[in-house]
PDB file of N, CA and C in Angstrom:
ATOM      1  N   MET A   1     114.048 107.189 111.413  1.00  0.00           N
ATOM      2  CA  MET A   1     114.347 108.463 111.233  1.00  0.00           C
ATOM      3  C   MET A   1     114.197 108.632 110.171  1.00  0.00           C
ATOM      4  N   GLU A   2     113.124 109.723 109.793  1.00  0.00           N
ATOM      5  CA  GLU A   2     113.585 110.240 108.058  1.00  0.00           C
ATOM      6  C   GLU A   2     113.916 111.907 108.353  1.00  0.00           C
ATOM      7  N   LEU A   3     114.728 112.488 107.717  1.00  0.00           N
ATOM      8  CA  LEU A   3     114.703 113.677 107.423  1.00  0.00           C
ATOM      9  C   LEU A   3     114.405 114.174 105.974  1.00  0.00           C
ATOM     10  N   ILE A   4     113.554 115.059 105.730  1.00  0.00           N
ATOM     11  CA  ILE A   4     113.812 115.827 104.355  1.00  0.00           C
ATOM     12  C   ILE A   4     114.167 117.034 104.001  1.00  0.00           C
ATOM     13  N   ARG A   5     114.780 116.821 103.412  1.00  0.00           N
ATOM     14  CA  ARG A   5     115.649 118.501 103.162  1.00  0.00           C
ATOM     15  C   ARG A   5     114.855 118.864 102.576  1.00  0.00           C
ATOM     16  N   LYS A   6     114.727 120.684 102.364  1.00  0.00           N
ATOM     17  CA  LYS A   6     114.255 121.279 102.089  1.00  0.00           C
ATOM     18  C   LYS A   6     113.927 121.284 100.403  1.00  0.00           C
ATOM     19  N   GLU A   7     115.383 121.430  99.852  1.00  0.00           N
ATOM     20  CA  GLU A   7     115.527 120.880  98.640  1.00  0.00           C
ATOM     21  C   GLU A   7     114.986 119.864  98.134  1.00  0.00           C
ATOM     22  N   GLU A   8     114.170 118.748  98.640  1.00  0.00           N
ATOM     23  CA  GLU A   8     113.596 117.815  98.532  1.00  0.00           C
ATOM     24  C   GLU A   8     112.330 117.573  98.154  1.00  0.00           C
ATOM     25  N   ILE A   9     111.754 118.670  98.634  1.00  0.00           N
ATOM     26  CA  ILE A   9     110.328 118.738  98.875  1.00  0.00           C
ATOM     27  C   ILE A   9     109.992 118.805  97.770  1.00  0.00           C
ATOM     28  N   LYS A  10     108.615 118.251  97.186  1.00  0.00           N
ATOM     29  CA  LYS A  10     108.097 118.652  95.873  1.00  0.00           C
ATOM     30  C   LYS A  10     107.009 119.903  95.641  1.00  0.00           C
ATOM     31  N   ALA A  11     106.769 120.465  95.091  1.00  0.00           N
ATOM     32  CA  ALA A  11     105.889 121.359  94.940  1.00  0.00           C
ATOM     33  C   ALA A  11     104.560 120.745  93.518  1.00  0.00           C
ATOM     34  N   LEU A  12     103.587 120.736  93.943  1.00  0.00           N
ATOM     35  CA  LEU A  12     102.300 120.639  93.256  1.00  0.00           C
ATOM     36  C   LEU A  12     101.648 122.011  92.908  1.00  0.00           C
ATOM     37  N   SER A  13     101.380 122.174  91.857  1.00  0.00           N
ATOM     38  CA  SER A  13     100.578 123.562  91.444  1.00  0.00           C
ATOM     39  C   SER A  13      99.283 123.309  90.653  1.00  0.00           C
ATOM     40  N   ASN A  14      98.027 124.604  90.833  1.00  0.00           N
ATOM     41  CA  ASN A  14      97.253 124.858  90.078  1.00  0.00           C
ATOM     42  C   ASN A  14      97.464 126.447  89.878  1.00  0.00           C
ATOM     43  N   PRO A  15      96.893 126.786  88.921  1.00  0.00           N
ATOM     44  CA  PRO A  15      96.696 128.681  89.023  1.00  0.00           C
ATOM     45  C   PRO A  15      96.531 129.032  89.687  1.00  0.00           C
ATOM     46  N   GLY A  16      97.343 130.056  90.975  1.00  0.00           N
ATOM     47  CA  GLY A  16      96.819 130.463  92.007  1.00  0.00           C
ATOM     48  C   GLY A  16      97.543 129.673  93.017  1.00  0.00           C
ATOM     49  N   VAL A  17      97.588 128.699  92.889  1.00  0.00           N
ATOM     50  CA  VAL A  17      97.728 127.660  94.541  1.00  0.00           C
ATOM     51  C   VAL A  17      98.857 126.783  94.599  1.00  0.00           C
ATOM     52  N   VAL A  18      99.678 126.836  95.498  1.00  0.00           N
ATOM     53  CA  VAL A  18     101.006 125.492  95.224  1.00  0.00           C
ATOM     54  C   VAL A  18     100.709 125.364  96.821  1.00  0.00           C
ATOM     55  N   SER A  19     101.202 123.553  96.336  1.00  0.00           N
ATOM     56  CA  SER A  19     101.137 122.884  97.503  1.00  0.00           C
ATOM     57  C   SER A  19     102.756 122.380  97.963  1.00  0.00           C
ATOM     58  N   ARG A  20     103.501 122.791  98.513  1.00  0.00           N
ATOM     59  CA  ARG A  20     104.597 121.677  99.423  1.00  0.00           C
ATOM     60  C   ARG A  20     103.828 120.512  99.956  1.00  0.00           C
ATOM     61  N   GLN A  21     104.501 119.157  99.349  1.00  0.00           N
ATOM     62  CA  GLN A  21     104.148 118.038  99.991  1.00  0.00           C
ATOM     63  C   GLN A  21     105.371 117.790 101.099  1.00  0.00           C
ATOM     64  N   LEU A  22     105.368 118.709 102.328  1.00  0.00           N
ATOM     65  CA  LEU A  22     106.038 118.309 103.454  1.00  0.00           C
ATOM     66  C   LEU A  22     106.611 116.677 103.635  1.00  0.00           C
ATOM     67  N   LEU A  23     105.127 115.881 103.499  1.00  0.00           N
ATOM     68  CA  LEU A  23     105.728 114.610 104.100  1.00  0.00           C
ATOM     69  C   LEU A  23     104.336 113.757 103.297  1.00  0.00           C
ATOM     70  N   ASN A  24     104.475 113.152 102.465  1.00  0.00           N
ATOM     71  CA  ASN A  24     103.755 111.915 101.658  1.00  0.00           C
ATOM     72  C   ASN A  24     104.127 110.924 101.046  1.00  0.00           C
ATOM     73  N   PRO A  25     102.965 110.189 100.699  1.00  0.00           N
ATOM     74  CA  PRO A  25     103.453 108.567 100.526  1.00  0.00           C
ATOM     75  C   PRO A  25     104.268 108.246 100.111  1.00  0.00           C
ATOM     76  N   GLU A  26     105.207 109.773  98.668  1.00  0.00           N
ATOM     77  CA  GLU A  26     105.787 109.092  98.167  1.00  0.00           C
ATOM     78  C   GLU A  26     107.537 109.537  98.906  1.00  0.00           C
ATOM     79  N   SER A  27     107.672 110.327  99.507  1.00  0.00           N
ATOM     80  CA  SER A  27     108.905 110.620 100.736  1.00  0.00           C
ATOM     81  C   SER A  27     108.833 109.816 101.570  1.00  0.00           C
ATOM     82  N   ALA A  28     107.922 109.115 102.581  1.00  0.00           N
ATOM     83  CA  ALA A  28     108.054 108.839 103.715  1.00  0.00           C
ATOM     84  C   ALA A  28     107.034 107.637 103.321  1.00  0.00           C
ATOM     85  N   PRO A  29     107.015 107.007 102.695  1.00  0.00           N
ATOM     86  CA  PRO A  29     106.116 105.246 102.721  1.00  0.00           C
ATOM     87  C   PRO A  29     105.386 105.025 103.689  1.00  0.00           C
ATOM     88  N   ASP A  30     106.085 104.564 104.796  1.00  0.00           N
ATOM     89  CA  ASP A  30     105.584 104.577 106.400  1.00  0.00           C
ATOM     90  C   ASP A  30     105.201 105.522 106.831  1.00  0.00           C
ATOM     91  N   SER A  31     104.915 106.256 107.264  1.00  0.00           N
ATOM     92  CA  SER A  31     104.262 107.372 107.161  1.00  0.00           C
ATOM     93  C   SER A  31     102.748 107.273 107.435  1.00  0.00           C
ATOM     94  N   ARG A  32     102.352 107.452 108.460  1.00  0.00           N
ATOM     95  CA  ARG A  32     100.765 107.257 108.843  1.00  0.00           C
ATOM     96  C   ARG A  32      99.604 109.037 108.863  1.00  0.00           C
ATOM     97  N   VAL A  33     100.591 109.822 107.803  1.00  0.00           N
ATOM     98  CA  VAL A  33      99.552 110.994 107.675  1.00  0.00           C
ATOM     99  C   VAL A  33     100.269 111.895 106.133  1.00  0.00           C
ATOM    100  N   THR A  34      99.746 112.617 105.743  1.00  0.00           N
ATOM    101  CA  THR A  34     100.557 113.565 104.480  1.00  0.00           C
ATOM    102  C   THR A  34     100.279 115.007 105.303  1.00  0.00           C
ATOM    103  N   ILE A  35     101.343 115.568 105.047  1.00  0.00           N
ATOM    104  CA  ILE A  35     101.459 116.812 105.830  1.00  0.00           C
ATOM    105  C   ILE A  35     102.011 117.948 104.394  1.00  0.00           C
ATOM    106  N   THR A  36     100.497 118.999 104.410  1.00  0.00           N
ATOM    107  CA  THR A  36     101.153 119.588 103.092  1.00  0.00           C
ATOM    108  C   THR A  36     101.385 121.083 103.720  1.00  0.00           C
ATOM    109  N   GLU A  37     101.578 122.423 103.115  1.00  0.00           N
ATOM    110  CA  GLU A  37     102.130 123.477 103.311  1.00  0.00           C
ATOM    111  C   GLU A  37     101.729 124.247 101.652  1.00  0.00           C
ATOM    112  N   VAL A  38     100.233 124.985 102.147  1.00  0.00           N
ATOM    113  CA  VAL A  38      99.784 125.604 101.092  1.00  0.00           C
ATOM    114  C   VAL A  38      99.358 126.510 100.766  1.00  0.00           C
ATOM    115  N   HIS A  39      99.478 127.373  99.552  1.00  0.00           N
ATOM    116  CA  HIS A  39      99.628 128.361  99.141  1.00  0.00           C
ATOM    117  C   HIS A  39      98.748 129.503  98.437  1.00  0.00           C
ATOM    118  N   LEU A  40      97.892 130.129  98.750  1.00  0.00           N
ATOM    119  CA  LEU A  40      96.882 130.257  97.406  1.00  0.00           C
ATOM    120  C   LEU A  40      96.764 132.052  97.717  1.00  0.00           C
ATOM    121  N   GLU A  41      97.481 132.355  96.247  1.00  0.00           N
ATOM    122  CA  GLU A  41      97.230 133.888  95.949  1.00  0.00           C
ATOM    123  C   GLU A  41      96.167 134.480  96.464  1.00  0.00           C
ATOM    124  N   SER A  42      95.537 136.030  96.259  1.00  0.00           N
ATOM    125  CA  SER A  42      94.634 136.817  96.311  1.00  0.00           C
ATOM    126  C   SER A  42      93.651 136.514  95.509  1.00  0.00           C
ATOM    127  N   GLY A  43      92.756 136.082  95.661  1.00  0.00           N
ATOM    128  CA  GLY A  43      91.841 135.471  94.479  1.00  0.00           C
ATOM    129  C   GLY A  43      91.592 134.047  94.134  1.00  0.00           C
ATOM    130  N   ALA A  44      92.780 133.019  94.494  1.00  0.00           N
ATOM    131  CA  ALA A  44      92.748 131.699  94.040  1.00  0.00           C
ATOM    132  C   ALA A  44      91.705 131.051  95.095  1.00  0.00           C
ATOM    133  N   GLU A  45      91.300 129.744  94.485  1.00  0.00           N
ATOM    134  CA  GLU A  45      90.230 128.997  95.453  1.00  0.00           C
ATOM    135  C   GLU A  45      91.053 127.825  95.036  1.00  0.00           C
ATOM    136  N   GLN A  46      90.592 127.297  96.267  1.00  0.00           N
ATOM    137  CA  GLN A  46      90.255 125.274  96.057  1.00  0.00           C
ATOM    138  C   GLN A  46      88.993 124.897  95.796  1.00  0.00           C
ATOM    139  N   PRO A  47      88.368 124.527  94.783  1.00  0.00           N
ATOM    140  CA  PRO A  47      86.961 124.372  94.715  1.00  0.00           C
ATOM    141  C   PRO A  47      86.478 123.094  96.123  1.00  0.00           C
ATOM    142  N   ARG A  48      85.329 123.201  96.077  1.00  0.00           N
ATOM    143  CA  ARG A  48      84.794 122.533  96.737  1.00  0.00           C
ATOM    144  C   ARG A  48      85.190 120.574  97.009  1.00  0.00           C
ATOM    145  N   HIS A  49      85.345 119.594  97.441  1.00  0.00           N
ATOM    146  CA  HIS A  49      85.571 118.348  97.300  1.00  0.00           C
ATOM    147  C   HIS A  49      85.575 117.460  98.533  1.00  0.00           C
ATOM    148  N   ILE A  50      85.874 116.602  98.433  1.00  0.00           N
ATOM    149  CA  ILE A  50      85.503 115.349 100.009  1.00  0.00           C
ATOM    150  C   ILE A  50      86.919 114.251  99.186  1.00  0.00           C
ATOM    151  N   HIS A  51      87.272 113.701 100.641  1.00  0.00           N
ATOM    152  CA  HIS A  51      88.120 112.907 101.074  1.00  0.00           C
ATOM    153  C   HIS A  51      87.172 111.207 101.452  1.00  0.00           C
ATOM    154  N   GLU A  52      86.820 110.651 100.431  1.00  0.00           N
ATOM    155  CA  GLU A  52      86.071 110.127 101.183  1.00  0.00           C
ATOM    156  C   GLU A  52      85.842 109.185 102.362  1.00  0.00           C
ATOM    157  N   THR A  53      87.972 108.567 102.421  1.00  0.00           N
ATOM    158  CA  THR A  53      88.443 107.821 103.757  1.00  0.00           C
ATOM    159  C   THR A  53      89.792 108.549 104.503  1.00  0.00           C
ATOM    160  N   SER A  54      89.819 109.678 104.566  1.00  0.00           N
ATOM    161  CA  SER A  54      90.376 110.268 104.893  1.00  0.00           C
ATOM    162  C   SER A  54      89.825 111.519 105.928  1.00  0.00           C
ATOM    163  N   GLU A  55      90.794 111.946 107.090  1.00  0.00           N
ATOM    164  CA  GLU A  55      90.101 113.192 107.746  1.00  0.00           C
ATOM    165  C   GLU A  55      91.863 114.298 107.568  1.00  0.00           C
ATOM    166  N   GLN A  56      90.791 115.411 107.843  1.00  0.00           N
ATOM    167  CA  GLN A  56      91.856 116.354 107.302  1.00  0.00           C
ATOM    168  C   GLN A  56      91.974 117.492 107.697  1.00  0.00           C
ATOM    169  N   ILE A  57      93.026 118.157 108.692  1.00  0.00           N
ATOM    170  CA  ILE A  57      93.168 119.089 109.895  1.00  0.00           C
ATOM    171  C   ILE A  57      94.174 120.242 109.075  1.00  0.00           C
ATOM    172  N   TRP A  58      93.091 121.635 109.092  1.00  0.00           N
ATOM    173  CA  TRP A  58      93.861 121.961 108.234  1.00  0.00           C
ATOM    174  C   TRP A  58      94.367 123.410 109.772  1.00  0.00           C
ATOM    175  N   TYR A  59      95.634 124.053 109.478  1.00  0.00           N
ATOM    176  CA  TYR A  59      95.877 125.040 110.780  1.00  0.00           C
ATOM    177  C   TYR A  59      96.423 126.031 109.529  1.00  0.00           C
ATOM    178  N   ALA A  60      95.519 127.563 110.155  1.00  0.00           N
ATOM    179  CA  ALA A  60      95.504 129.044 109.041  1.00  0.00           C
ATOM    180  C   ALA A  60      96.819 129.348 109.580  1.00  0.00           C
ATOM    181  N   VAL A  61      97.693 129.772 108.554  1.00  0.00           N
ATOM    182  CA  VAL A  61      98.944 130.276 109.234  1.00  0.00           C
ATOM    183  C   VAL A  61      99.117 131.692 108.841  1.00  0.00           C
ATOM    184  N   LYS A  62      98.702 131.988 107.791  1.00  0.00           N
ATOM    185  CA  LYS A  62      98.544 133.370 107.000  1.00  0.00           C
ATOM    186  C   LYS A  62      97.353 133.851 106.515  1.00  0.00           C
ATOM    187  N   GLY A  63      96.838 134.850 106.874  1.00  0.00           N
ATOM    188  CA  GLY A  63      96.055 135.354 105.964  1.00  0.00           C
ATOM    189  C   GLY A  63      94.931 135.331 106.538  1.00  0.00           C
ATOM    190  N   THR A  64      93.397 135.713 105.074  1.00  0.00           N
ATOM    191  CA  THR A  64      91.885 135.284 106.022  1.00  0.00           C
ATOM    192  C   THR A  64      91.327 134.793 104.300  1.00  0.00           C
ATOM    193  N   GLY A  65      90.609 133.879 104.336  1.00  0.00           N
ATOM    194  CA  GLY A  65      90.167 133.520 103.509  1.00  0.00           C
ATOM    195  C   GLY A  65      88.322 133.095 103.679  1.00  0.00           C
ATOM    196  N   LYS A  66      87.959 132.023 103.050  1.00  0.00           N
ATOM    197  CA  LYS A  66      86.166 131.519 103.026  1.00  0.00           C
ATOM    198  C   LYS A  66      87.031 130.140 102.810  1.00  0.00           C
ATOM    199  N   LEU A  67      86.125 129.301 103.967  1.00  0.00           N
ATOM    200  CA  LEU A  67      86.281 127.837 103.872  1.00  0.00           C
ATOM    201  C   LEU A  67      84.909 127.431 102.824  1.00  0.00           C
ATOM    202  N   LEU A  68      84.878 126.557 101.881  1.00  0.00           N
ATOM    203  CA  LEU A  68      84.053 126.631 101.174  1.00  0.00           C
ATOM    204  C   LEU A  68      83.255 125.056 101.836  1.00  0.00           C
ATOM    205  N   LEU A  69      82.193 125.262 102.182  1.00  0.00           N
ATOM    206  CA  LEU A  69      81.531 123.956 102.726  1.00  0.00           C
ATOM    207  C   LEU A  69      80.579 123.296 102.185  1.00  0.00           C
ATOM    208  N   ALA A  70      79.577 122.419 102.640  1.00  0.00           N
ATOM    209  CA  ALA A  70      78.513 121.717 102.019  1.00  0.00           C
ATOM    210  C   ALA A  70      77.133 122.386 102.002  1.00  0.00           C
ATOM    211  N   ASP A  71      76.401 122.177 100.852  1.00  0.00           N
ATOM    212  CA  ASP A  71      75.329 122.908 100.434  1.00  0.00           C
ATOM    213  C   ASP A  71      75.680 124.136 100.298  1.00  0.00           C
ATOM    214  N   GLY A  72      76.865 124.838  99.645  1.00  0.00           N
ATOM    215  CA  GLY A  72      76.525 126.035  99.391  1.00  0.00           C
ATOM    216  C   GLY A  72      77.149 126.853 100.698  1.00  0.00           C
ATOM    217  N   ALA A  73      77.601 126.633 101.747  1.00  0.00           N
ATOM    218  CA  ALA A  73      77.664 127.583 103.100  1.00  0.00           C
ATOM    219  C   ALA A  73      79.193 127.895 103.244  1.00  0.00           C
ATOM    220  N   GLU A  74      79.471 128.852 103.984  1.00  0.00           N
ATOM    221  CA  GLU A  74      81.032 129.469 103.976  1.00  0.00           C
ATOM    222  C   GLU A  74      81.142 130.202 105.025  1.00  0.00           C
ATOM    223  N   GLN A  75      82.180 129.602 105.209  1.00  0.00           N
ATOM    224  CA  GLN A  75      83.069 130.590 106.702  1.00  0.00           C
ATOM    225  C   GLN A  75      84.141 131.504 106.835  1.00  0.00           C
ATOM    226  N   ILE A  76      84.496 131.530 107.550  1.00  0.00           N
ATOM    227  CA  ILE A  76      85.421 132.979 107.603  1.00  0.00           C
ATOM    228  C   ILE A  76      86.605 131.916 108.325  1.00  0.00           C
ATOM    229  N   PHE A  77      87.625 131.636 107.462  1.00  0.00           N
ATOM    230  CA  PHE A  77      88.831 130.899 107.952  1.00  0.00           C
ATOM    231  C   PHE A  77      90.165 131.897 107.785  1.00  0.00           C
ATOM    232  N   CYS A  78      90.955 132.077 109.606  1.00  0.00           N
ATOM    233  CA  CYS A  78      91.766 132.987 109.122  1.00  0.00           C
ATOM    234  C   CYS A  78      92.827 132.297 110.676  1.00  0.00           C
ATOM    235  N   ALA A  79      93.937 133.458 109.873  1.00  0.00           N
ATOM    236  CA  ALA A  79      95.476 132.749 110.838  1.00  0.00           C
ATOM    237  C   ALA A  79      95.220 132.591 112.021  1.00  0.00           C
ATOM    238  N   GLY A  80      95.820 131.615 112.553  1.00  0.00           N
ATOM    239  CA  GLY A  80      95.650 131.311 114.116  1.00  0.00           C
ATOM    240  C   GLY A  80      94.542 130.399 114.246  1.00  0.00           C
ATOM    241  N   ASP A  81      93.511 130.417 112.948  1.00  0.00           N
ATOM    242  CA  ASP A  81      92.540 129.082 113.536  1.00  0.00           C
ATOM    243  C   ASP A  81      93.024 127.685 112.695  1.00  0.00           C
ATOM    244  N   VAL A  82      91.740 126.656 113.495  1.00  0.00           N
ATOM    245  CA  VAL A  82      92.254 125.452 112.741  1.00  0.00           C
ATOM    246  C   VAL A  82      91.076 124.767 112.856  1.00  0.00           C
ATOM    247  N   VAL A  83      90.933 123.940 111.603  1.00  0.00           N
ATOM    248  CA  VAL A  83      89.245 123.081 111.415  1.00  0.00           C
ATOM    249  C   VAL A  83      89.593 121.894 111.192  1.00  0.00           C
ATOM    250  N   ARG A  84      88.807 121.051 111.076  1.00  0.00           N
ATOM    251  CA  ARG A  84      89.006 119.822 111.154  1.00  0.00           C
ATOM    252  C   ARG A  84      87.862 119.191 109.876  1.00  0.00           C
ATOM    253  N   PHE A  85      87.945 118.175 109.016  1.00  0.00           N
ATOM    254  CA  PHE A  85      87.057 117.953 108.472  1.00  0.00           C
ATOM    255  C   PHE A  85      87.338 116.353 108.642  1.00  0.00           C
ATOM    256  N   ALA A  86      86.089 115.935 108.888  1.00  0.00           N
ATOM    257  CA  ALA A  86      86.136 114.235 108.927  1.00  0.00           C
ATOM    258  C   ALA A  86      86.005 113.584 107.519  1.00  0.00           C
ATOM    259  N   ASP A  87      85.988 112.520 107.709  1.00  0.00           N
ATOM    260  CA  ASP A  87      85.554 112.277 106.140  1.00  0.00           C
ATOM    261  C   ASP A  87      84.762 112.004 105.467  1.00  0.00           C
ATOM    262  N   GLY A  88      84.417 112.368 104.003  1.00  0.00           N
ATOM    263  CA  GLY A  88      83.402 112.555 103.342  1.00  0.00           C
ATOM    264  C   GLY A  88      83.093 114.117 103.975  1.00  0.00           C
ATOM    265  N   ASP A  89      83.391 114.814 104.640  1.00  0.00           N
ATOM    266  CA  ASP A  89      82.946 116.297 105.173  1.00  0.00           C
ATOM    267  C   ASP A  89      83.714 117.005 103.333  1.00  0.00           C
ATOM    268  N   VAL A  90      82.007 118.085 102.707  1.00  0.00           N
ATOM    269  CA  VAL A  90      82.363 118.818 101.696  1.00  0.00           C
ATOM    270  C   VAL A  90      83.652 119.962 102.427  1.00  0.00           C
ATOM    271  N   HIS A  91      84.827 120.217 101.909  1.00  0.00           N
ATOM    272  CA  HIS A  91      85.706 121.179 102.142  1.00  0.00           C
ATOM    273  C   HIS A  91      86.350 121.841 100.816  1.00  0.00           C
ATOM    274  N   GLY A  92      86.726 123.167 100.918  1.00  0.00           N
ATOM    275  CA  GLY A  92      87.177 123.898  99.966  1.00  0.00           C
ATOM    276  C   GLY A  92      87.924 125.165 100.881  1.00  0.00           C
ATOM    277  N   LEU A  93      88.808 126.631  99.521  1.00  0.00           N
ATOM    278  CA  LEU A  93      89.124 127.152 100.436  1.00  0.00           C
ATOM    279  C   LEU A  93      88.935 128.609  99.248  1.00  0.00           C
ATOM    280  N   ARG A  94      88.200 129.299  99.528  1.00  0.00           N
ATOM    281  CA  ARG A  94      88.730 130.923  98.574  1.00  0.00           C
ATOM    282  C   ARG A  94      89.361 131.880  99.321  1.00  0.00           C
ATOM    283  N   ASN A  95      90.379 132.496  99.039  1.00  0.00           N
ATOM    284  CA  ASN A  95      91.414 133.390  99.428  1.00  0.00           C
ATOM    285  C   ASN A  95      91.046 134.528  99.092  1.00  0.00           C
ATOM    286  N   ASP A  96      89.874 135.517 100.069  1.00  0.00           N
ATOM    287  CA  ASP A  96      89.359 136.338  99.116  1.00  0.00           C
ATOM    288  C   ASP A  96      89.861 137.606  99.878  1.00  0.00           C
ATOM    289  N   GLY A  97      90.830 137.423 100.570  1.00  0.00           N
ATOM    290  CA  GLY A  97      91.923 138.701 101.474  1.00  0.00           C
ATOM    291  C   GLY A  97      93.130 139.235 100.016  1.00  0.00           C
ATOM    292  N   ALA A  98      93.214 139.875 100.618  1.00  0.00           N
ATOM    293  CA  ALA A  98      94.560 140.761 100.033  1.00  0.00           C
ATOM    294  C   ALA A  98      96.040 140.866  99.420  1.00  0.00           C
ATOM    295  N   GLU A  99      95.900 139.655 100.997  1.00  0.00           N
ATOM    296  CA  GLU A  99      97.490 138.949 100.220  1.00  0.00           C
ATOM    297  C   GLU A  99      97.262 137.589 100.594  1.00  0.00           C
ATOM    298  N   GLU A 100      98.216 136.963 100.586  1.00  0.00           N
ATOM    299  CA  GLU A 100      98.682 135.308 100.421  1.00  0.00           C
ATOM    300  C   GLU A 100      97.858 135.088 101.706  1.00  0.00           C
ATOM    301  N   PHE A 101      97.436 133.619 101.403  1.00  0.00           N
ATOM    302  CA  PHE A 101      96.984 132.942 102.383  1.00  0.00           C
ATOM    303  C   PHE A 101      97.930 131.769 101.986  1.00  0.00           C
ATOM    304  N   VAL A 102      98.345 131.101 103.398  1.00  0.00           N
ATOM    305  CA  VAL A 102      99.094 129.558 104.000  1.00  0.00           C
ATOM    306  C   VAL A 102      98.499 129.331 105.043  1.00  0.00           C
ATOM    307  N   TYR A 103      98.015 127.672 104.834  1.00  0.00           N
ATOM    308  CA  TYR A 103      97.551 126.725 105.457  1.00  0.00           C
ATOM    309  C   TYR A 103      98.560 125.698 105.986  1.00  0.00           C
ATOM    310  N   VAL A 104      98.643 124.429 107.245  1.00  0.00           N
ATOM    311  CA  VAL A 104      99.445 123.521 106.965  1.00  0.00           C
ATOM    312  C   VAL A 104      98.063 122.528 107.185  1.00  0.00           C
ATOM    313  N   SER A 105      98.360 121.484 106.327  1.00  0.00           N
ATOM    314  CA  SER A 105      97.274 120.553 106.339  1.00  0.00           C
ATOM    315  C   SER A 105      97.627 119.085 107.131  1.00  0.00           C
ATOM    316  N   VAL A 106      97.157 118.294 107.627  1.00  0.00           N
ATOM    317  CA  VAL A 106      97.680 117.141 108.027  1.00  0.00           C
ATOM    318  C   VAL A 106      96.215 116.582 107.778  1.00  0.00           C
ATOM    319  N   THR A 107      96.640 115.294 106.701  1.00  0.00           N
ATOM    320  CA  THR A 107      95.823 114.312 106.249  1.00  0.00           C
ATOM    321  C   THR A 107      95.993 112.803 106.508  1.00  0.00           C
ATOM    322  N   THR A 108      95.256 112.481 107.668  1.00  0.00           N
ATOM    323  CA  THR A 108      95.155 110.430 107.831  1.00  0.00           C
ATOM    324  C   THR A 108      93.522 110.120 107.515  1.00  0.00           C
ATOM    325  N   PRO A 109      94.016 109.096 107.040  1.00  0.00           N
ATOM    326  CA  PRO A 109      95.669 108.293 106.509  1.00  0.00           C
ATOM    327  C   PRO A 109      95.519 108.421 105.506  1.00  0.00           C
ATOM    328  N   PRO A 110      97.054 108.927 105.095  1.00  0.00           N
ATOM    329  CA  PRO A 110      97.766 109.529 103.910  1.00  0.00           C
ATOM    330  C   PRO A 110      97.037 109.581 102.556  1.00  0.00           C
ATOM    331  N   ILE A 111      97.326 110.881 101.689  1.00  0.00           N
ATOM    332  CA  ILE A 111      96.695 110.607 100.486  1.00  0.00           C
ATOM    333  C   ILE A 111      98.051 111.395  99.750  1.00  0.00           C
ATOM    334  N   HIS A 112      98.114 110.732  98.361  1.00  0.00           N
ATOM    335  CA  HIS A 112      99.074 111.307  97.317  1.00  0.00           C
ATOM    336  C   HIS A 112      98.350 112.243  96.678  1.00  0.00           C
ATOM    337  N   PHE A 113      98.550 113.611  96.603  1.00  0.00           N
ATOM    338  CA  PHE A 113      97.656 114.810  96.058  1.00  0.00           C
ATOM    339  C   PHE A 113      97.765 114.961  94.394  1.00  0.00           C
ATOM    340  N   GLY A 114      98.775 114.288  93.728  1.00  0.00           N
ATOM    341  CA  GLY A 114      99.128 114.512  92.746  1.00  0.00           C
ATOM    342  C   GLY A 114      98.202 114.605  91.851  1.00  0.00           C
ATOM    343  N   TYR A 115      97.042 113.665  91.925  1.00  0.00           N
ATOM    344  CA  TYR A 115      95.645 113.726  91.115  1.00  0.00           C
ATOM    345  C   TYR A 115      95.009 114.573  91.306  1.00  0.00           C
ATOM    346  N   ALA A 116      95.316 115.890  92.219  1.00  0.00           N
ATOM    347  CA  ALA A 116      94.183 117.294  92.016  1.00  0.00           C
ATOM    348  C   ALA A 116      95.335 118.503  91.790  1.00  0.00           C
ATOM    349  N   TYR A 117      95.959 118.202  90.995  1.00  0.00           N
ATOM    350  CA  TYR A 117      97.246 119.567  90.706  1.00  0.00           C
ATOM    351  C   TYR A 117      97.816 119.103  89.223  1.00  0.00           C
ATOM    352  N   GLN A 118      98.147 120.431  88.828  1.00  0.00           N
ATOM    353  CA  GLN A 118      98.164 120.502  87.003  1.00  0.00           C
ATOM    354  C   GLN A 118      99.625 120.056  87.078  1.00  0.00           C
ATOM    355  N   ASN A 119     100.114 120.712  87.861  1.00  0.00           N
ATOM    356  CA  ASN A 119     101.877 120.812  87.468  1.00  0.00           C
ATOM    357  C   ASN A 119     102.507 120.316  88.797  1.00  0.00           C
ATOM    358  N   ARG A 120     103.811 119.801  88.716  1.00  0.00           N
ATOM    359  CA  ARG A 120     104.467 119.310  89.766  1.00  0.00           C
ATOM    360  C   ARG A 120     105.913 119.662  89.686  1.00  0.00           C
ATOM    361  N   THR A 121     106.743 120.094  90.492  1.00  0.00           N
ATOM    362  CA  THR A 121     107.848 120.580  90.310  1.00  0.00           C
ATOM    363  C   THR A 121     108.719 120.353  91.894  1.00  0.00           C
TER     364      THR A 121
END
């Protein structure tokens, strides 16, 4: 059993985006998933990207935004929705709503996302 106290959870950030690393290879080296809680301020965006060898599931907890998909496609994504991206699927998110957008992401096999963020606290 592993218990990660809230005080031990690291946060990664870019302008307008905070990603709380609930479970990752650093905090739980034997885990088969990475779990993050991602907060986007109104107007913030996570650009389109892919994970070549990991699938990712997002569960929207709060707000309304737009999924940024392949070939410039966009789709509404709001609280209560779940989306799954297979290995290699293009995905990103823009919070075009008036309030903060929050989602929980599960990634397997696990990834340490430090490479994608400017700041770490």
